[in-house]
Amino acid sequence: GATEFLGNLRNLQEASDIEGPAWERFILKLIEVFGATVAPAQIYARFSSSDDLAALLPPDSRLSLSGPEDHKVKNQFAQRIGYLFRERVGKRYGDSQACIVRGRRTSDGNVWDLKSGD
């Protein structure tokens, strides 16, 4: 059905992207729950107390949630999500164009800016 050279490239890329839909759902949920700015500690606290939210963690992330009182796991989670977010800054996911815009250090720790649309 392609009428020009590589005319179906976008369709092929979308069909072969297994992590994109999961990251789109995850980012959109973060925006819904926290707004445009989120800190890894907030994500951990909210997601570790809800199985429904924990199910939204991208399968490729290998993030671990054990409980809100486990400081070692909380720190590992925050570090891992920071790495994952850094790797994906600027990458847009799905029709919503959900993306991680940037991270920055604040006096309360690292925070990440998220957006969808455009």
PDB file of N, CA and C in Angstrom:
ATOM      1  N   GLY A   1       0.778  -1.196   0.000  1.00  0.00           N
ATOM      2  CA  GLY A   1       0.000   0.000   0.000  1.00  0.00           C
ATOM      3  C   GLY A   1       0.827   1.272   0.000  1.00  0.00           C
ATOM      4  N   ALA A   2       2.162   1.167   0.070  1.00  0.00           N
ATOM      5  CA  ALA A   2       2.997   2.369   0.058  1.00  0.00           C
ATOM      6  C   ALA A   2       3.147   2.853  -1.376  1.00  0.00           C
ATOM      7  N   THR A   3       3.000   4.148  -1.581  1.00  0.00           N
ATOM      8  CA  THR A   3       3.064   4.701  -2.925  1.00  0.00           C
ATOM      9  C   THR A   3       4.401   5.354  -3.233  1.00  0.00           C
ATOM     10  N   GLU A   4       5.239   5.480  -2.280  1.00  0.00           N
ATOM     11  CA  GLU A   4       6.549   6.077  -2.498  1.00  0.00           C
ATOM     12  C   GLU A   4       7.585   5.331  -1.667  1.00  0.00           C
ATOM     13  N   PHE A   5       8.850   5.530  -1.989  1.00  0.00           N
ATOM     14  CA  PHE A   5       9.928   4.859  -1.273  1.00  0.00           C
ATOM     15  C   PHE A   5       9.842   5.173   0.217  1.00  0.00           C
ATOM     16  N   LEU A   6       9.793   4.136   1.039  1.00  0.00           N
ATOM     17  CA  LEU A   6       9.684   4.228   2.493  1.00  0.00           C
ATOM     18  C   LEU A   6       8.414   4.952   2.949  1.00  0.00           C
ATOM     19  N   GLY A   7       7.401   4.950   2.105  1.00  0.00           N
ATOM     20  CA  GLY A   7       6.147   5.618   2.435  1.00  0.00           C
ATOM     21  C   GLY A   7       5.430   4.995   3.614  1.00  0.00           C
ATOM     22  N   ASN A   8       5.721   3.735   3.895  1.00  0.00           N
ATOM     23  CA  ASN A   8       5.083   3.062   5.026  1.00  0.00           C
ATOM     24  C   ASN A   8       6.014   2.932   6.232  1.00  0.00           C
ATOM     25  N   LEU A   9       7.097   3.682   6.230  1.00  0.00           N
ATOM     26  CA  LEU A   9       8.080   3.573   7.316  1.00  0.00           C
ATOM     27  C   LEU A   9       7.464   3.877   8.681  1.00  0.00           C
ATOM     28  N   ARG A  10       6.666   4.922   8.770  1.00  0.00           N
ATOM     29  CA  ARG A  10       6.057   5.272  10.064  1.00  0.00           C
ATOM     30  C   ARG A  10       5.157   4.139  10.559  1.00  0.00           C
ATOM     31  N   ASN A  11       4.350   3.573   9.685  1.00  0.00           N
ATOM     32  CA  ASN A  11       3.472   2.459  10.070  1.00  0.00           C
ATOM     33  C   ASN A  11       4.288   1.266  10.551  1.00  0.00           C
ATOM     34  N   LEU A  12       5.370   0.970   9.858  1.00  0.00           N
ATOM     35  CA  LEU A  12       6.245  -0.138  10.244  1.00  0.00           C
ATOM     36  C   LEU A  12       6.874   0.111  11.614  1.00  0.00           C
ATOM     37  N   GLN A  13       7.343   1.329  11.831  1.00  0.00           N
ATOM     38  CA  GLN A  13       7.962   1.661  13.118  1.00  0.00           C
ATOM     39  C   GLN A  13       6.941   1.563  14.250  1.00  0.00           C
ATOM     40  N   GLU A  14       5.737   2.064  14.017  1.00  0.00           N
ATOM     41  CA  GLU A  14       4.705   2.013  15.051  1.00  0.00           C
ATOM     42  C   GLU A  14       4.305   0.577  15.359  1.00  0.00           C
ATOM     43  N   ALA A  15       4.233  -0.262  14.342  1.00  0.00           N
ATOM     44  CA  ALA A  15       3.846  -1.661  14.549  1.00  0.00           C
ATOM     45  C   ALA A  15       4.919  -2.437  15.297  1.00  0.00           C
ATOM     46  N   SER A  16       6.169  -2.047  15.138  1.00  0.00           N
ATOM     47  CA  SER A  16       7.251  -2.781  15.787  1.00  0.00           C
ATOM     48  C   SER A  16       7.644  -2.191  17.144  1.00  0.00           C
ATOM     49  N   ASP A  17       7.030  -1.086  17.537  1.00  0.00           N
ATOM     50  CA  ASP A  17       7.352  -0.429  18.798  1.00  0.00           C
ATOM     51  C   ASP A  17       6.555  -1.072  19.926  1.00  0.00           C
ATOM     52  N   ILE A  18       7.233  -1.891  20.735  1.00  0.00           N
ATOM     53  CA  ILE A  18       6.529  -2.553  21.829  1.00  0.00           C
ATOM     54  C   ILE A  18       6.573  -1.745  23.122  1.00  0.00           C
ATOM     55  N   GLU A  19       7.560  -0.877  23.279  1.00  0.00           N
ATOM     56  CA  GLU A  19       7.650  -0.107  24.520  1.00  0.00           C
ATOM     57  C   GLU A  19       6.889   1.210  24.444  1.00  0.00           C
ATOM     58  N   GLY A  20       6.694   1.750  23.265  1.00  0.00           N
ATOM     59  CA  GLY A  20       6.060   3.055  23.101  1.00  0.00           C
ATOM     60  C   GLY A  20       4.686   3.177  23.722  1.00  0.00           C
ATOM     61  N   PRO A  21       3.755   2.249  23.423  1.00  0.00           N
ATOM     62  CA  PRO A  21       2.420   2.362  24.017  1.00  0.00           C
ATOM     63  C   PRO A  21       2.437   2.321  25.551  1.00  0.00           C
ATOM     64  N   ALA A  22       3.309   1.499  26.120  1.00  0.00           N
ATOM     65  CA  ALA A  22       3.400   1.418  27.582  1.00  0.00           C
ATOM     66  C   ALA A  22       3.921   2.728  28.164  1.00  0.00           C
ATOM     67  N   TRP A  23       4.917   3.327  27.525  1.00  0.00           N
ATOM     68  CA  TRP A  23       5.444   4.597  28.009  1.00  0.00           C
ATOM     69  C   TRP A  23       4.435   5.721  27.820  1.00  0.00           C
ATOM     70  N   GLU A  24       3.673   5.673  26.727  1.00  0.00           N
ATOM     71  CA  GLU A  24       2.637   6.691  26.534  1.00  0.00           C
ATOM     72  C   GLU A  24       1.612   6.624  27.666  1.00  0.00           C
ATOM     73  N   ARG A  25       1.117   5.422  27.980  1.00  0.00           N
ATOM     74  CA  ARG A  25       0.137   5.265  29.068  1.00  0.00           C
ATOM     75  C   ARG A  25       0.714   5.732  30.399  1.00  0.00           C
ATOM     76  N   PHE A  26       1.964   5.364  30.652  1.00  0.00           N
ATOM     77  CA  PHE A  26       2.623   5.723  31.905  1.00  0.00           C
ATOM     78  C   PHE A  26       2.753   7.239  32.042  1.00  0.00           C
ATOM     79  N   ILE A  27       3.255   7.899  31.014  1.00  0.00           N
ATOM     80  CA  ILE A  27       3.440   9.352  31.066  1.00  0.00           C
ATOM     81  C   ILE A  27       2.095  10.069  31.197  1.00  0.00           C
ATOM     82  N   LEU A  28       1.097   9.619  30.431  1.00  0.00           N
ATOM     83  CA  LEU A  28      -0.225  10.240  30.525  1.00  0.00           C
ATOM     84  C   LEU A  28      -0.815  10.080  31.928  1.00  0.00           C
ATOM     85  N   LYS A  29      -0.598   8.914  32.543  1.00  0.00           N
ATOM     86  CA  LYS A  29      -1.095   8.697  33.916  1.00  0.00           C
ATOM     87  C   LYS A  29      -0.356   9.603  34.897  1.00  0.00           C
ATOM     88  N   LEU A  30       0.961   9.750  34.714  1.00  0.00           N
ATOM     89  CA  LEU A  30       1.723  10.652  35.579  1.00  0.00           C
ATOM     90  C   LEU A  30       1.177  12.074  35.475  1.00  0.00           C
ATOM     91  N   ILE A  31       0.886  12.531  34.261  1.00  0.00           N
ATOM     92  CA  ILE A  31       0.346  13.870  34.064  1.00  0.00           C
ATOM     93  C   ILE A  31      -1.025  13.990  34.726  1.00  0.00           C
ATOM     94  N   GLU A  32      -1.846  12.952  34.577  1.00  0.00           N
ATOM     95  CA  GLU A  32      -3.180  12.962  35.191  1.00  0.00           C
ATOM     96  C   GLU A  32      -3.096  13.039  36.712  1.00  0.00           C
ATOM     97  N   VAL A  33      -2.191  12.273  37.299  1.00  0.00           N
ATOM     98  CA  VAL A  33      -2.091  12.179  38.753  1.00  0.00           C
ATOM     99  C   VAL A  33      -1.319  13.354  39.364  1.00  0.00           C
ATOM    100  N   PHE A  34      -0.202  13.755  38.735  1.00  0.00           N
ATOM    101  CA  PHE A  34       0.691  14.737  39.344  1.00  0.00           C
ATOM    102  C   PHE A  34       0.729  16.086  38.642  1.00  0.00           C
ATOM    103  N   GLY A  35       0.227  16.172  37.432  1.00  0.00           N
ATOM    104  CA  GLY A  35       0.358  17.408  36.664  1.00  0.00           C
ATOM    105  C   GLY A  35       1.621  17.364  35.818  1.00  0.00           C
ATOM    106  N   ALA A  36       2.097  18.527  35.428  1.00  0.00           N
ATOM    107  CA  ALA A  36       3.204  18.618  34.482  1.00  0.00           C
ATOM    108  C   ALA A  36       4.579  18.417  35.108  1.00  0.00           C
ATOM    109  N   THR A  37       4.664  18.348  36.418  1.00  0.00           N
ATOM    110  CA  THR A  37       5.955  18.180  37.089  1.00  0.00           C
ATOM    111  C   THR A  37       5.834  17.077  38.137  1.00  0.00           C
ATOM    112  N   VAL A  38       6.814  16.179  38.144  1.00  0.00           N
ATOM    113  CA  VAL A  38       6.760  15.056  39.075  1.00  0.00           C
ATOM    114  C   VAL A  38       8.163  14.702  39.565  1.00  0.00           C
ATOM    115  N   ALA A  39       8.229  14.251  40.797  1.00  0.00           N
ATOM    116  CA  ALA A  39       9.485  13.773  41.379  1.00  0.00           C
ATOM    117  C   ALA A  39       9.398  12.252  41.540  1.00  0.00           C
ATOM    118  N   PRO A  40      10.505  11.535  41.351  1.00  0.00           N
ATOM    119  CA  PRO A  40      10.480  10.079  41.509  1.00  0.00           C
ATOM    120  C   PRO A  40       9.933   9.610  42.852  1.00  0.00           C
ATOM    121  N   ALA A  41      10.200  10.334  43.925  1.00  0.00           N
ATOM    122  CA  ALA A  41       9.680   9.931  45.238  1.00  0.00           C
ATOM    123  C   ALA A  41       8.160   9.976  45.252  1.00  0.00           C
ATOM    124  N   GLN A  42       7.567  10.956  44.560  1.00  0.00           N
ATOM    125  CA  GLN A  42       6.107  11.037  44.463  1.00  0.00           C
ATOM    126  C   GLN A  42       5.562   9.826  43.706  1.00  0.00           C
ATOM    127  N   ILE A  43       6.230   9.474  42.623  1.00  0.00           N
ATOM    128  CA  ILE A  43       5.795   8.331  41.818  1.00  0.00           C
ATOM    129  C   ILE A  43       5.820   7.078  42.669  1.00  0.00           C
ATOM    130  N   TYR A  44       6.919   6.872  43.374  1.00  0.00           N
ATOM    131  CA  TYR A  44       7.052   5.675  44.205  1.00  0.00           C
ATOM    132  C   TYR A  44       5.953   5.612  45.257  1.00  0.00           C
ATOM    133  N   ALA A  45       5.745   6.709  45.977  1.00  0.00           N
ATOM    134  CA  ALA A  45       4.760   6.717  47.057  1.00  0.00           C
ATOM    135  C   ALA A  45       3.364   6.397  46.531  1.00  0.00           C
ATOM    136  N   ARG A  46       3.005   6.965  45.412  1.00  0.00           N
ATOM    137  CA  ARG A  46       1.654   6.779  44.876  1.00  0.00           C
ATOM    138  C   ARG A  46       1.502   5.403  44.224  1.00  0.00           C
ATOM    139  N   PHE A  47       2.494   4.969  43.456  1.00  0.00           N
ATOM    140  CA  PHE A  47       2.379   3.715  42.714  1.00  0.00           C
ATOM    141  C   PHE A  47       2.562   2.503  43.614  1.00  0.00           C
ATOM    142  N   SER A  48       3.349   2.611  44.675  1.00  0.00           N
ATOM    143  CA  SER A  48       3.571   1.460  45.545  1.00  0.00           C
ATOM    144  C   SER A  48       2.344   1.136  46.382  1.00  0.00           C
ATOM    145  N   SER A  49       1.448   2.100  46.522  1.00  0.00           N
ATOM    146  CA  SER A  49       0.258   1.859  47.334  1.00  0.00           C
ATOM    147  C   SER A  49      -0.964   1.485  46.496  1.00  0.00           C
ATOM    148  N   SER A  50      -0.780   1.295  45.187  1.00  0.00           N
ATOM    149  CA  SER A  50      -1.904   0.958  44.319  1.00  0.00           C
ATOM    150  C   SER A  50      -1.494  -0.055  43.257  1.00  0.00           C
ATOM    151  N   ASP A  51      -2.102  -1.238  43.306  1.00  0.00           N
ATOM    152  CA  ASP A  51      -1.802  -2.246  42.293  1.00  0.00           C
ATOM    153  C   ASP A  51      -2.198  -1.791  40.901  1.00  0.00           C
ATOM    154  N   ASP A  52      -3.296  -1.025  40.801  1.00  0.00           N
ATOM    155  CA  ASP A  52      -3.731  -0.534  39.494  1.00  0.00           C
ATOM    156  C   ASP A  52      -2.692   0.384  38.872  1.00  0.00           C
ATOM    157  N   LEU A  53      -2.121   1.277  39.679  1.00  0.00           N
ATOM    158  CA  LEU A  53      -1.092   2.171  39.165  1.00  0.00           C
ATOM    159  C   LEU A  53       0.204   1.415  38.896  1.00  0.00           C
ATOM    160  N   ALA A  54       0.559   0.495  39.766  1.00  0.00           N
ATOM    161  CA  ALA A  54       1.786  -0.274  39.586  1.00  0.00           C
ATOM    162  C   ALA A  54       1.753  -1.051  38.272  1.00  0.00           C
ATOM    163  N   ALA A  55       0.562  -1.474  37.846  1.00  0.00           N
ATOM    164  CA  ALA A  55       0.430  -2.207  36.583  1.00  0.00           C
ATOM    165  C   ALA A  55       0.764  -1.323  35.385  1.00  0.00           C
ATOM    166  N   LEU A  56       0.776  -0.011  35.553  1.00  0.00           N
ATOM    167  CA  LEU A  56       1.095   0.905  34.458  1.00  0.00           C
ATOM    168  C   LEU A  56       2.587   1.113  34.262  1.00  0.00           C
ATOM    169  N   LEU A  57       3.399   0.630  35.195  1.00  0.00           N
ATOM    170  CA  LEU A  57       4.839   0.781  35.022  1.00  0.00           C
ATOM    171  C   LEU A  57       5.259   0.065  33.739  1.00  0.00           C
ATOM    172  N   PRO A  58       6.025   0.725  32.881  1.00  0.00           N
ATOM    173  CA  PRO A  58       6.438   0.088  31.628  1.00  0.00           C
ATOM    174  C   PRO A  58       7.175  -1.221  31.892  1.00  0.00           C
ATOM    175  N   PRO A  59       6.834  -2.279  31.137  1.00  0.00           N
ATOM    176  CA  PRO A  59       7.439  -3.582  31.386  1.00  0.00           C
ATOM    177  C   PRO A  59       8.943  -3.605  31.160  1.00  0.00           C
ATOM    178  N   ASP A  60       9.450  -2.733  30.311  1.00  0.00           N
ATOM    179  CA  ASP A  60      10.890  -2.712  30.039  1.00  0.00           C
ATOM    180  C   ASP A  60      11.672  -1.996  31.128  1.00  0.00           C
ATOM    181  N   SER A  61      10.975  -1.390  32.085  1.00  0.00           N
ATOM    182  CA  SER A  61      11.647  -0.558  33.076  1.00  0.00           C
ATOM    183  C   SER A  61      12.318  -1.344  34.193  1.00  0.00           C
ATOM    184  N   ARG A  62      11.836  -2.559  34.463  1.00  0.00           N
ATOM    185  CA  ARG A  62      12.349  -3.380  35.553  1.00  0.00           C
ATOM    186  C   ARG A  62      12.361  -2.628  36.881  1.00  0.00           C
ATOM    187  N   LEU A  63      11.330  -1.829  37.092  1.00  0.00           N
ATOM    188  CA  LEU A  63      11.201  -1.095  38.346  1.00  0.00           C
ATOM    189  C   LEU A  63      10.565  -1.986  39.390  1.00  0.00           C
ATOM    190  N   SER A  64      11.013  -1.837  40.611  1.00  0.00           N
ATOM    191  CA  SER A  64      10.517  -2.665  41.698  1.00  0.00           C
ATOM    192  C   SER A  64       9.775  -1.809  42.714  1.00  0.00           C
ATOM    193  N   LEU A  65       8.612  -2.273  43.111  1.00  0.00           N
ATOM    194  CA  LEU A  65       7.835  -1.615  44.157  1.00  0.00           C
ATOM    195  C   LEU A  65       7.582  -2.627  45.253  1.00  0.00           C
ATOM    196  N   SER A  66       7.985  -2.304  46.483  1.00  0.00           N
ATOM    197  CA  SER A  66       7.723  -3.254  47.559  1.00  0.00           C
ATOM    198  C   SER A  66       6.796  -2.685  48.610  1.00  0.00           C
ATOM    199  N   GLY A  67       6.846  -1.409  48.835  1.00  0.00           N
ATOM    200  CA  GLY A  67       5.995  -0.793  49.847  1.00  0.00           C
ATOM    201  C   GLY A  67       6.523   0.574  50.206  1.00  0.00           C
ATOM    202  N   PRO A  68       5.650   1.460  50.662  1.00  0.00           N
ATOM    203  CA  PRO A  68       6.057   2.837  50.909  1.00  0.00           C
ATOM    204  C   PRO A  68       7.073   3.012  52.032  1.00  0.00           C
ATOM    205  N   GLU A  69       7.228   2.024  52.900  1.00  0.00           N
ATOM    206  CA  GLU A  69       8.158   2.168  54.016  1.00  0.00           C
ATOM    207  C   GLU A  69       9.562   1.635  53.720  1.00  0.00           C
ATOM    208  N   ASP A  70       9.766   1.034  52.579  1.00  0.00           N
ATOM    209  CA  ASP A  70      11.057   0.447  52.241  1.00  0.00           C
ATOM    210  C   ASP A  70      11.947   1.512  51.590  1.00  0.00           C
ATOM    211  N   HIS A  71      12.797   2.153  52.382  1.00  0.00           N
ATOM    212  CA  HIS A  71      13.617   3.261  51.899  1.00  0.00           C
ATOM    213  C   HIS A  71      14.659   2.816  50.882  1.00  0.00           C
ATOM    214  N   LYS A  72      15.205   1.614  51.040  1.00  0.00           N
ATOM    215  CA  LYS A  72      16.197   1.129  50.086  1.00  0.00           C
ATOM    216  C   LYS A  72      15.556   0.967  48.704  1.00  0.00           C
ATOM    217  N   VAL A  73      14.398   0.342  48.652  1.00  0.00           N
ATOM    218  CA  VAL A  73      13.711   0.148  47.372  1.00  0.00           C
ATOM    219  C   VAL A  73      13.271   1.495  46.810  1.00  0.00           C
ATOM    220  N   LYS A  74      12.825   2.387  47.676  1.00  0.00           N
ATOM    221  CA  LYS A  74      12.409   3.721  47.229  1.00  0.00           C
ATOM    222  C   LYS A  74      13.574   4.451  46.561  1.00  0.00           C
ATOM    223  N   ASN A  75      14.749   4.395  47.174  1.00  0.00           N
ATOM    224  CA  ASN A  75      15.926   5.045  46.588  1.00  0.00           C
ATOM    225  C   ASN A  75      16.333   4.387  45.276  1.00  0.00           C
ATOM    226  N   GLN A  76      16.290   3.050  45.213  1.00  0.00           N
ATOM    227  CA  GLN A  76      16.610   2.346  43.970  1.00  0.00           C
ATOM    228  C   GLN A  76      15.618   2.707  42.869  1.00  0.00           C
ATOM    229  N   PHE A  77      14.344   2.786  43.238  1.00  0.00           N
ATOM    230  CA  PHE A  77      13.301   3.158  42.285  1.00  0.00           C
ATOM    231  C   PHE A  77      13.570   4.556  41.736  1.00  0.00           C
ATOM    232  N   ALA A  78      13.838   5.512  42.625  1.00  0.00           N
ATOM    233  CA  ALA A  78      14.073   6.891  42.206  1.00  0.00           C
ATOM    234  C   ALA A  78      15.285   6.981  41.276  1.00  0.00           C
ATOM    235  N   GLN A  79      16.330   6.256  41.603  1.00  0.00           N
ATOM    236  CA  GLN A  79      17.528   6.271  40.763  1.00  0.00           C
ATOM    237  C   GLN A  79      17.235   5.651  39.397  1.00  0.00           C
ATOM    238  N   ARG A  80      16.568   4.516  39.389  1.00  0.00           N
ATOM    239  CA  ARG A  80      16.260   3.822  38.134  1.00  0.00           C
ATOM    240  C   ARG A  80      15.327   4.653  37.259  1.00  0.00           C
ATOM    241  N   ILE A  81      14.301   5.242  37.853  1.00  0.00           N
ATOM    242  CA  ILE A  81      13.371   6.029  37.040  1.00  0.00           C
ATOM    243  C   ILE A  81      14.063   7.273  36.496  1.00  0.00           C
ATOM    244  N   GLY A  82      14.996   7.818  37.258  1.00  0.00           N
ATOM    245  CA  GLY A  82      15.784   8.950  36.763  1.00  0.00           C
ATOM    246  C   GLY A  82      16.571   8.569  35.516  1.00  0.00           C
ATOM    247  N   TYR A  83      17.218   7.405  35.542  1.00  0.00           N
ATOM    248  CA  TYR A  83      17.954   6.928  34.367  1.00  0.00           C
ATOM    249  C   TYR A  83      17.017   6.719  33.178  1.00  0.00           C
ATOM    250  N   LEU A  84      15.884   6.081  33.434  1.00  0.00           N
ATOM    251  CA  LEU A  84      14.930   5.804  32.359  1.00  0.00           C
ATOM    252  C   LEU A  84      14.391   7.099  31.753  1.00  0.00           C
ATOM    253  N   PHE A  85      14.084   8.061  32.609  1.00  0.00           N
ATOM    254  CA  PHE A  85      13.587   9.342  32.109  1.00  0.00           C
ATOM    255  C   PHE A  85      14.661  10.061  31.299  1.00  0.00           C
ATOM    256  N   ARG A  86      15.900  10.061  31.794  1.00  0.00           N
ATOM    257  CA  ARG A  86      16.989  10.724  31.065  1.00  0.00           C
ATOM    258  C   ARG A  86      17.163  10.135  29.673  1.00  0.00           C
ATOM    259  N   GLU A  87      17.044   8.805  29.564  1.00  0.00           N
ATOM    260  CA  GLU A  87      17.185   8.145  28.265  1.00  0.00           C
ATOM    261  C   GLU A  87      16.066   8.527  27.306  1.00  0.00           C
ATOM    262  N   ARG A  88      14.942   8.980  27.834  1.00  0.00           N
ATOM    263  CA  ARG A  88      13.764   9.228  27.003  1.00  0.00           C
ATOM    264  C   ARG A  88      13.388  10.699  26.876  1.00  0.00           C
ATOM    265  N   VAL A  89      14.211  11.597  27.390  1.00  0.00           N
ATOM    266  CA  VAL A  89      13.908  13.023  27.274  1.00  0.00           C
ATOM    267  C   VAL A  89      13.743  13.386  25.800  1.00  0.00           C
ATOM    268  N   GLY A  90      12.613  14.020  25.504  1.00  0.00           N
ATOM    269  CA  GLY A  90      12.349  14.488  24.148  1.00  0.00           C
ATOM    270  C   GLY A  90      11.707  13.470  23.224  1.00  0.00           C
ATOM    271  N   LYS A  91      11.702  12.206  23.610  1.00  0.00           N
ATOM    272  CA  LYS A  91      11.085  11.189  22.764  1.00  0.00           C
ATOM    273  C   LYS A  91       9.574  11.249  22.948  1.00  0.00           C
ATOM    274  N   ARG A  92       8.857  11.304  21.831  1.00  0.00           N
ATOM    275  CA  ARG A  92       7.400  11.416  21.871  1.00  0.00           C
ATOM    276  C   ARG A  92       6.768  10.050  21.664  1.00  0.00           C
ATOM    277  N   TYR A  93       5.670   9.819  22.404  1.00  0.00           N
ATOM    278  CA  TYR A  93       4.998   8.522  22.360  1.00  0.00           C
ATOM    279  C   TYR A  93       3.552   8.663  21.903  1.00  0.00           C
ATOM    280  N   GLY A  94       3.188   7.862  20.912  1.00  0.00           N
ATOM    281  CA  GLY A  94       1.803   7.720  20.478  1.00  0.00           C
ATOM    282  C   GLY A  94       1.173   8.969  19.903  1.00  0.00           C
ATOM    283  N   ASP A  95      -0.132   8.852  19.685  1.00  0.00           N
ATOM    284  CA  ASP A  95      -0.901   9.957  19.120  1.00  0.00           C
ATOM    285  C   ASP A  95      -0.950  11.160  20.055  1.00  0.00           C
ATOM    286  N   SER A  96      -0.829  10.924  21.340  1.00  0.00           N
ATOM    287  CA  SER A  96      -0.883  12.024  22.305  1.00  0.00           C
ATOM    288  C   SER A  96       0.412  12.832  22.321  1.00  0.00           C
ATOM    289  N   GLN A  97       1.475  12.276  21.731  1.00  0.00           N
ATOM    290  CA  GLN A  97       2.793  12.914  21.737  1.00  0.00           C
ATOM    291  C   GLN A  97       3.301  13.136  23.163  1.00  0.00           C
ATOM    292  N   ALA A  98       2.916  12.239  24.074  1.00  0.00           N
ATOM    293  CA  ALA A  98       3.365  12.322  25.465  1.00  0.00           C
ATOM    294  C   ALA A  98       4.883  12.248  25.507  1.00  0.00           C
ATOM    295  N   CYS A  99       5.491  13.093  26.327  1.00  0.00           N
ATOM    296  CA  CYS A  99       6.953  13.055  26.414  1.00  0.00           C
ATOM    297  C   CYS A  99       7.445  13.589  27.752  1.00  0.00           C
ATOM    298  N   ILE A 100       8.669  13.209  28.039  1.00  0.00           N
ATOM    299  CA  ILE A 100       9.403  13.723  29.187  1.00  0.00           C
ATOM    300  C   ILE A 100      10.221  14.884  28.641  1.00  0.00           C
ATOM    301  N   VAL A 101       9.970  16.069  29.143  1.00  0.00           N
ATOM    302  CA  VAL A 101      10.586  17.254  28.577  1.00  0.00           C
ATOM    303  C   VAL A 101      12.010  17.442  29.101  1.00  0.00           C
ATOM    304  N   ARG A 102      12.149  17.414  30.406  1.00  0.00           N
ATOM    305  CA  ARG A 102      13.476  17.617  30.991  1.00  0.00           C
ATOM    306  C   ARG A 102      13.439  17.306  32.475  1.00  0.00           C
ATOM    307  N   GLY A 103      14.618  17.117  33.019  1.00  0.00           N
ATOM    308  CA  GLY A 103      14.757  16.930  34.452  1.00  0.00           C
ATOM    309  C   GLY A 103      15.633  18.026  35.010  1.00  0.00           C
ATOM    310  N   ARG A 104      15.425  18.321  36.256  1.00  0.00           N
ATOM    311  CA  ARG A 104      16.273  19.325  36.895  1.00  0.00           C
ATOM    312  C   ARG A 104      16.373  19.032  38.389  1.00  0.00           C
ATOM    313  N   ARG A 105      17.434  19.519  38.956  1.00  0.00           N
ATOM    314  CA  ARG A 105      17.690  19.337  40.380  1.00  0.00           C
ATOM    315  C   ARG A 105      17.080  20.512  41.134  1.00  0.00           C
ATOM    316  N   THR A 106      16.375  20.204  42.187  1.00  0.00           N
ATOM    317  CA  THR A 106      15.835  21.248  43.062  1.00  0.00           C
ATOM    318  C   THR A 106      16.316  20.971  44.479  1.00  0.00           C
ATOM    319  N   SER A 107      15.967  21.828  45.393  1.00  0.00           N
ATOM    320  CA  SER A 107      16.366  21.613  46.785  1.00  0.00           C
ATOM    321  C   SER A 107      15.693  20.373  47.369  1.00  0.00           C
ATOM    322  N   ASP A 108      14.570  19.947  46.776  1.00  0.00           N
ATOM    323  CA  ASP A 108      13.870  18.749  47.243  1.00  0.00           C
ATOM    324  C   ASP A 108      14.262  17.486  46.474  1.00  0.00           C
ATOM    325  N   GLY A 109      15.232  17.593  45.579  1.00  0.00           N
ATOM    326  CA  GLY A 109      15.645  16.450  44.758  1.00  0.00           C
ATOM    327  C   GLY A 109      15.339  16.698  43.292  1.00  0.00           C
ATOM    328  N   ASN A 110      15.435  15.658  42.494  1.00  0.00           N
ATOM    329  CA  ASN A 110      15.183  15.776  41.063  1.00  0.00           C
ATOM    330  C   ASN A 110      13.692  15.835  40.778  1.00  0.00           C
ATOM    331  N   VAL A 111      13.324  16.647  39.794  1.00  0.00           N
ATOM    332  CA  VAL A 111      11.955  16.696  39.299  1.00  0.00           C
ATOM    333  C   VAL A 111      11.996  16.626  37.777  1.00  0.00           C
ATOM    334  N   TRP A 112      10.913  16.151  37.213  1.00  0.00           N
ATOM    335  CA  TRP A 112      10.809  15.942  35.774  1.00  0.00           C
ATOM    336  C   TRP A 112       9.590  16.668  35.239  1.00  0.00           C
ATOM    337  N   ASP A 113       9.758  17.316  34.105  1.00  0.00           N
ATOM    338  CA  ASP A 113       8.644  17.987  33.429  1.00  0.00           C
ATOM    339  C   ASP A 113       8.107  17.060  32.358  1.00  0.00           C
ATOM    340  N   LEU A 114       6.785  16.948  32.311  1.00  0.00           N
ATOM    341  CA  LEU A 114       6.104  16.060  31.369  1.00  0.00           C
ATOM    342  C   LEU A 114       5.104  16.863  30.562  1.00  0.00           C
ATOM    343  N   LYS A 115       4.804  16.402  29.345  1.00  0.00           N
ATOM    344  CA  LYS A 115       3.739  17.056  28.590  1.00  0.00           C
ATOM    345  C   LYS A 115       3.151  16.096  27.575  1.00  0.00           C
ATOM    346  N   SER A 116       1.980  16.454  27.116  1.00  0.00           N
ATOM    347  CA  SER A 116       1.341  15.717  26.033  1.00  0.00           C
ATOM    348  C   SER A 116       0.711  16.745  25.102  1.00  0.00           C
ATOM    349  N   GLY A 117       0.398  16.327  23.899  1.00  0.00           N
ATOM    350  CA  GLY A 117      -0.164  17.235  22.926  1.00  0.00           C
ATOM    351  C   GLY A 117       0.926  17.801  22.035  1.00  0.00           C
ATOM    352  N   ASP A 118       0.558  18.782  21.258  1.00  0.00           N
ATOM    353  CA  ASP A 118       1.457  19.432  20.269  1.00  0.00           C
ATOM    354  C   ASP A 118       1.531  18.565  19.053  1.00  0.00           C
TER     355      ASP A 118
END
